[in-house]
Amino acid sequence: MSEARKKAYIARFERVLDHIERHLHEPLDAEQLAGLAHFSRFHFQRQFADFVGVGVARYILLMRLKHASYQLAFQPARRIIDIALEAAFENPESFTRAFRSAFGQSPSQFRRAPDWPAWHERYVFRIPERKMDVKVEIVTVEPIRIAVLEHRGPVTTLNASVARFIEWRKASLLSPVDRCRTFGLAWDNPDTTPPEQFRFDICGEIEGELPANTQGVIEKLIPGGRCARVRHVGAHDRMGDSIYPLYRQWLPGSGEELRDFPLYFHYLNLLPDTPAGELLTDIYLPLR
């Protein structure tokens, strides 16, 4: 297969994956998706499984359960029956069976004590990295005071740290999410860093002084200065599709040099309130 044909083939599957991501709570079937990609309905399911690593029905189920997982973990007041119906299940019983089969925990058990490492194992696919042309802006940012929960350890336990930071944020009222920005500082690349050495700071802009707290949240500063900015649209776990072109394509030809501060993210909207396909994240690469 020529490079051009291979690129076109991949683009057709990416169109299908984007459609699934944006329409998770609507009816989705293989025939509809095959037509969207202009594939033969007869061969589509096998082609999809070869591309992603799981069949299309299984992939859709896992994506729906993924969004439901975030609601269970981060929206404790939301009723399980409402989460089940939104995830396209007819009743809580079928939702519970599917959830337990996928993750080894019932929805209520997961809500009380999520097994995030086991959960992550279900979302290891073989989808190739997207070859994207990113739109880069050079911007100057002002210093930003932030409250930080330092996550140290495997990326598979990052969501547990996120839950701790949310707990602090709700209890302290020092970084209300409706008017204070949310950031992430990416000290390491999870694709190349040993799991036990991975570092990521979960951050919220703060108002006022930051007292000692049981969650271990501390104050830091995002320094002002010049940055390259790229907007990523879609799921956070596909952020590499926007980050790698920034480093590999844009930076070498830009004439710019990096500042001694990590790449960081400004989350313009957040899970689980926002579907993964509608997430917007500004990626900042600090420059001298």
Protein backbone atom coordinates (compact mmCIF):
# COMPACT_ATOMS: atom_id res chain seq x y z
CA MET A 1 0.00 0.00 0.00
CA SER A 2 1.38 3.41 -0.96
CA GLU A 3 1.95 6.04 1.74
CA ALA A 4 -0.88 8.17 0.36
CA ARG A 5 -3.34 5.26 0.36
CA LYS A 6 -2.27 4.25 3.87
CA LYS A 7 -2.83 7.80 5.10
CA ALA A 8 -6.29 7.89 3.52
CA TYR A 9 -7.13 4.48 5.03
CA ILE A 10 -6.16 5.66 8.52
CA ALA A 11 -8.12 8.89 8.06
CA ARG A 12 -11.29 6.91 7.40
CA PHE A 13 -10.95 5.07 10.71
CA GLU A 14 -10.14 8.28 12.53
CA ARG A 15 -13.40 9.70 11.16
CA VAL A 16 -15.24 6.71 12.65
CA LEU A 17 -13.51 7.08 16.04
CA ASP A 18 -14.29 10.81 16.13
CA HIS A 19 -17.93 10.10 15.33
CA ILE A 20 -18.19 7.53 18.13
CA GLU A 21 -16.56 9.96 20.57
CA ARG A 22 -19.01 12.75 19.69
CA HIS A 23 -22.15 10.58 19.61
CA LEU A 24 -21.66 8.12 22.47
CA HIS A 25 -25.13 8.72 23.90
CA GLU A 26 -26.88 8.17 20.58
CA PRO A 27 -27.63 4.91 18.73
CA LEU A 28 -24.51 3.57 17.01
CA ASP A 29 -24.28 0.46 14.87
CA ALA A 30 -21.69 -1.11 12.61
CA GLU A 31 -23.63 -0.55 9.41
CA GLN A 32 -23.96 3.17 10.08
CA LEU A 33 -20.27 3.48 10.95
CA ALA A 34 -19.18 1.45 7.91
CA GLY A 35 -21.14 3.82 5.69
CA LEU A 36 -19.59 6.84 7.39
CA ALA A 37 -16.11 5.57 6.50
CA HIS A 38 -17.14 4.30 3.04
CA PHE A 39 -16.14 0.76 3.93
CA SER A 40 -17.84 -2.43 2.88
CA ARG A 41 -20.27 -3.44 5.62
CA PHE A 42 -19.16 -7.04 5.11
CA HIS A 43 -15.50 -6.31 5.95
CA PHE A 44 -15.86 -3.31 8.28
CA GLN A 45 -15.99 -5.13 11.61
CA ARG A 46 -12.84 -7.13 10.91
CA GLN A 47 -11.03 -4.03 9.59
CA PHE A 48 -12.05 -2.07 12.70
CA ALA A 49 -10.81 -4.82 15.04
CA ASP A 50 -7.50 -5.00 13.18
CA PHE A 51 -7.07 -1.22 13.44
CA VAL A 52 -8.12 -0.68 17.08
CA GLY A 53 -7.49 -4.07 18.70
CA VAL A 54 -11.11 -4.75 19.71
CA GLY A 55 -14.37 -5.10 17.80
CA VAL A 56 -16.54 -2.07 17.14
CA ALA A 57 -19.35 -3.10 19.52
CA ARG A 58 -16.84 -3.74 22.31
CA TYR A 59 -15.13 -0.42 21.65
CA ILE A 60 -18.41 1.51 21.84
CA LEU A 61 -19.33 -0.29 25.07
CA LEU A 62 -15.95 0.52 26.64
CA MET A 63 -16.21 4.19 25.63
CA ARG A 64 -19.67 4.44 27.20
CA LEU A 65 -18.44 2.72 30.36
CA LYS A 66 -15.47 5.09 30.44
CA HIS A 67 -17.69 8.16 30.60
CA ALA A 68 -19.88 6.40 33.18
CA SER A 69 -16.75 5.65 35.26
CA TYR A 70 -15.86 9.33 35.47
CA GLN A 71 -19.38 10.16 36.60
CA LEU A 72 -19.28 7.47 39.28
CA ALA A 73 -15.91 8.59 40.59
CA PHE A 74 -16.23 12.37 40.33
CA GLN A 75 -19.98 13.00 40.68
CA PRO A 76 -20.90 11.11 43.87
CA ALA A 77 -24.36 12.67 44.08
CA ARG A 78 -25.40 11.42 40.64
CA ARG A 79 -27.71 8.40 40.78
CA ILE A 80 -26.41 5.18 39.27
CA ILE A 81 -29.70 4.65 37.41
CA ASP A 82 -29.26 8.01 35.66
CA ILE A 83 -25.67 7.16 34.74
CA ALA A 84 -26.81 3.79 33.38
CA LEU A 85 -29.54 5.29 31.21
CA GLU A 86 -27.22 7.96 29.84
CA ALA A 87 -24.74 5.23 28.91
CA ALA A 88 -27.47 3.64 26.72
CA PHE A 89 -28.36 0.77 29.08
CA GLU A 90 -32.00 -0.20 29.47
CA ASN A 91 -31.77 -0.66 33.24
CA PRO A 92 -29.27 -0.58 36.15
CA GLU A 93 -29.01 -4.39 36.19
CA SER A 94 -27.63 -4.65 32.64
CA PHE A 95 -25.32 -1.71 33.37
CA THR A 96 -24.01 -3.42 36.52
CA ARG A 97 -23.36 -6.69 34.66
CA ALA A 98 -21.46 -4.95 31.88
CA PHE A 99 -19.51 -2.77 34.30
CA ARG A 100 -18.51 -5.70 36.52
CA SER A 101 -17.52 -7.77 33.48
CA ALA A 102 -15.29 -4.97 32.17
CA PHE A 103 -13.65 -3.82 35.41
CA GLY A 104 -14.16 -6.50 38.05
CA GLN A 105 -16.14 -4.12 40.28
CA SER A 106 -19.80 -3.18 40.46
CA PRO A 107 -20.63 0.48 39.83
CA SER A 108 -21.21 1.07 43.55
CA GLN A 109 -17.91 -0.65 44.47
CA PHE A 110 -16.09 1.44 41.88
CA ARG A 111 -17.69 4.60 43.25
CA ARG A 112 -16.46 3.79 46.76
CA ALA A 113 -12.95 2.65 45.81
CA PRO A 114 -12.06 2.74 42.10
CA ASP A 115 -9.45 0.22 40.97
CA TRP A 116 -7.87 2.63 38.49
CA PRO A 117 -4.94 0.38 37.43
CA ALA A 118 -7.34 -2.42 36.43
CA TRP A 119 -9.56 0.16 34.74
CA HIS A 120 -6.63 1.46 32.67
CA GLU A 121 -5.88 -2.04 31.37
CA ARG A 122 -9.19 -2.01 29.50
CA TYR A 123 -8.20 1.09 27.54
CA VAL A 124 -4.99 -0.10 25.95
CA PHE A 125 -5.72 -0.05 22.23
CA ARG A 126 -3.40 -0.12 19.23
CA ILE A 127 -4.74 3.00 17.53
CA PRO A 128 -1.78 4.62 15.72
CA GLU A 129 -0.70 8.13 16.61
CA ARG A 130 -2.38 10.71 14.41
CA LYS A 131 -0.27 12.68 11.95
CA MET A 132 -1.61 16.16 12.56
CA ASP A 133 -0.70 19.62 11.38
CA VAL A 134 -1.06 21.79 14.46
CA LYS A 135 -1.84 25.50 14.49
CA VAL A 136 0.71 27.18 16.76
CA GLU A 137 0.29 30.65 18.28
CA ILE A 138 2.98 32.55 20.16
CA VAL A 139 1.41 34.17 23.23
CA THR A 140 2.64 35.96 26.33
CA VAL A 141 1.10 34.82 29.61
CA GLU A 142 1.00 36.51 33.01
CA PRO A 143 2.18 34.66 36.15
CA ILE A 144 -0.52 32.45 37.66
CA ARG A 145 -0.71 31.39 41.32
CA ILE A 146 -1.86 27.79 41.53
CA ALA A 147 -2.79 25.24 44.14
CA VAL A 148 -1.06 21.97 43.28
CA LEU A 149 -1.47 18.33 44.15
CA GLU A 150 1.74 16.62 43.08
CA HIS A 151 1.05 13.22 41.56
CA ARG A 152 4.08 10.98 41.76
CA GLY A 153 3.90 7.41 40.44
CA PRO A 154 2.22 5.44 37.64
CA VAL A 155 -0.08 7.28 35.30
CA THR A 156 -2.60 4.50 35.97
CA THR A 157 -3.20 5.98 39.45
CA LEU A 158 -3.45 9.60 38.29
CA ASN A 159 -7.25 9.63 38.58
CA ALA A 160 -7.00 8.81 42.28
CA SER A 161 -4.89 11.95 42.72
CA VAL A 162 -7.42 13.93 40.67
CA ALA A 163 -10.15 12.78 43.08
CA ARG A 164 -8.08 14.02 46.04
CA PHE A 165 -7.59 17.40 44.40
CA ILE A 166 -11.32 17.69 43.65
CA GLU A 167 -12.02 16.87 47.32
CA TRP A 168 -9.69 19.70 48.40
CA ARG A 169 -11.14 22.10 45.84
CA LYS A 170 -14.71 21.54 47.01
CA ALA A 171 -13.84 21.70 50.71
CA SER A 172 -11.52 24.72 50.66
CA LEU A 173 -13.49 27.02 48.30
CA LEU A 174 -10.13 28.61 47.44
CA SER A 175 -10.22 27.54 43.79
CA PRO A 176 -13.87 27.42 42.70
CA VAL A 177 -14.06 25.68 39.35
CA ASP A 178 -16.68 28.09 37.99
CA ARG A 179 -14.27 31.04 38.08
CA CYS A 180 -10.76 29.64 38.58
CA ARG A 181 -8.84 28.00 35.76
CA THR A 182 -7.71 24.37 35.89
CA PHE A 183 -4.21 23.34 34.81
CA GLY A 184 -1.91 20.34 34.59
CA LEU A 185 1.90 20.51 34.64
CA ALA A 186 3.47 17.68 32.63
CA TRP A 187 6.92 17.19 34.15
CA ASP A 188 7.41 13.86 32.38
CA ASN A 189 6.26 12.01 29.27
CA PRO A 190 4.35 8.90 30.40
CA ASP A 191 5.36 7.11 27.16
CA THR A 192 9.09 7.31 27.99
CA THR A 193 9.27 7.62 31.80
CA PRO A 194 9.41 4.60 34.14
CA PRO A 195 5.99 4.42 35.87
CA GLU A 196 7.36 4.92 39.38
CA GLN A 197 9.18 8.10 38.27
CA PHE A 198 6.28 9.76 36.46
CA ARG A 199 5.43 13.28 37.72
CA PHE A 200 2.32 15.33 37.00
CA ASP A 201 0.92 18.31 38.92
CA ILE A 202 -2.86 18.74 39.14
CA CYS A 203 -3.54 22.44 39.53
CA GLY A 204 -6.21 25.06 40.09
CA GLU A 205 -5.86 28.83 40.06
CA ILE A 206 -6.23 30.16 43.60
CA GLU A 207 -7.74 33.14 45.33
CA GLY A 208 -6.27 34.14 48.69
CA GLU A 209 -3.76 32.36 50.90
CA LEU A 210 -3.35 28.60 50.90
CA PRO A 211 -3.37 27.05 54.40
CA ALA A 212 -2.06 23.59 55.29
CA ASN A 213 -4.50 20.83 54.40
CA THR A 214 -4.93 17.08 54.76
CA GLN A 215 -4.86 16.48 51.00
CA GLY A 216 -1.27 17.75 50.68
CA VAL A 217 -2.12 20.59 48.28
CA ILE A 218 0.66 23.19 48.05
CA GLU A 219 1.13 26.53 46.28
CA LYS A 220 3.26 27.02 43.15
CA LEU A 221 3.53 29.57 40.36
CA ILE A 222 3.19 29.23 36.61
CA PRO A 223 5.72 31.88 35.54
CA GLY A 224 4.83 34.53 33.03
CA GLY A 225 6.50 34.70 29.65
CA ARG A 226 6.33 33.65 26.04
CA CYS A 227 4.74 30.34 25.11
CA ALA A 228 3.79 28.37 22.03
CA ARG A 229 0.10 27.46 22.31
CA VAL A 230 -1.83 24.72 20.55
CA ARG A 231 -5.50 23.86 21.09
CA HIS A 232 -6.32 20.17 21.43
CA VAL A 233 -9.87 19.07 20.68
CA GLY A 234 -11.02 15.74 22.06
CA ALA A 235 -10.12 13.19 24.69
CA HIS A 236 -7.27 13.86 27.12
CA ASP A 237 -5.73 10.46 26.48
CA ARG A 238 -5.14 11.47 22.84
CA MET A 239 -3.27 14.65 23.82
CA GLY A 240 -0.11 13.23 22.31
CA ASP A 241 -1.66 13.73 18.87
CA SER A 242 -1.22 17.49 19.42
CA ILE A 243 1.92 17.43 21.59
CA TYR A 244 4.20 15.37 19.37
CA PRO A 245 3.74 17.54 16.24
CA LEU A 246 4.54 20.57 18.39
CA TYR A 247 7.91 19.08 19.37
CA ARG A 248 8.75 17.14 16.21
CA GLN A 249 7.48 19.41 13.45
CA TRP A 250 7.00 22.95 14.68
CA LEU A 251 9.85 23.43 17.20
CA PRO A 252 12.83 22.33 15.03
CA GLY A 253 11.94 24.83 12.30
CA SER A 254 10.71 27.64 14.52
CA GLY A 255 14.05 29.08 15.63
CA GLU A 256 12.69 29.09 19.20
CA GLU A 257 14.38 27.73 22.33
CA LEU A 258 12.61 26.17 25.30
CA ARG A 259 12.40 27.77 28.71
CA ASP A 260 13.20 25.78 31.87
CA PHE A 261 9.57 25.04 32.74
CA PRO A 262 7.47 22.04 31.76
CA LEU A 263 4.81 21.80 29.12
CA TYR A 264 1.44 22.55 30.72
CA PHE A 265 -2.25 22.26 29.98
CA HIS A 266 -5.13 24.66 30.51
CA TYR A 267 -8.34 22.63 30.61
CA LEU A 268 -11.05 24.85 29.11
CA ASN A 269 -13.75 22.36 30.09
CA LEU A 270 -13.70 19.24 32.21
CA LEU A 271 -14.80 15.65 32.53
CA PRO A 272 -17.30 14.31 33.38
CA ASP A 273 -19.50 17.35 32.67
CA THR A 274 -18.18 17.49 29.10
CA PRO A 275 -18.23 14.50 26.72
CA ALA A 276 -14.74 13.42 25.68
CA GLY A 277 -15.32 14.44 22.07
CA GLU A 278 -16.07 18.02 23.11
CA LEU A 279 -13.13 18.56 25.46
CA LEU A 280 -10.97 21.61 24.73
CA THR A 281 -7.44 21.90 26.11
CA ASP A 282 -4.85 24.59 25.42
CA ILE A 283 -1.31 23.18 25.45
CA TYR A 284 1.46 25.64 26.42
CA LEU A 285 5.14 25.12 25.59
CA PRO A 286 7.21 27.74 27.49
CA LEU A 287 9.74 29.60 25.30
CA ARG A 288 12.67 31.89 26.05
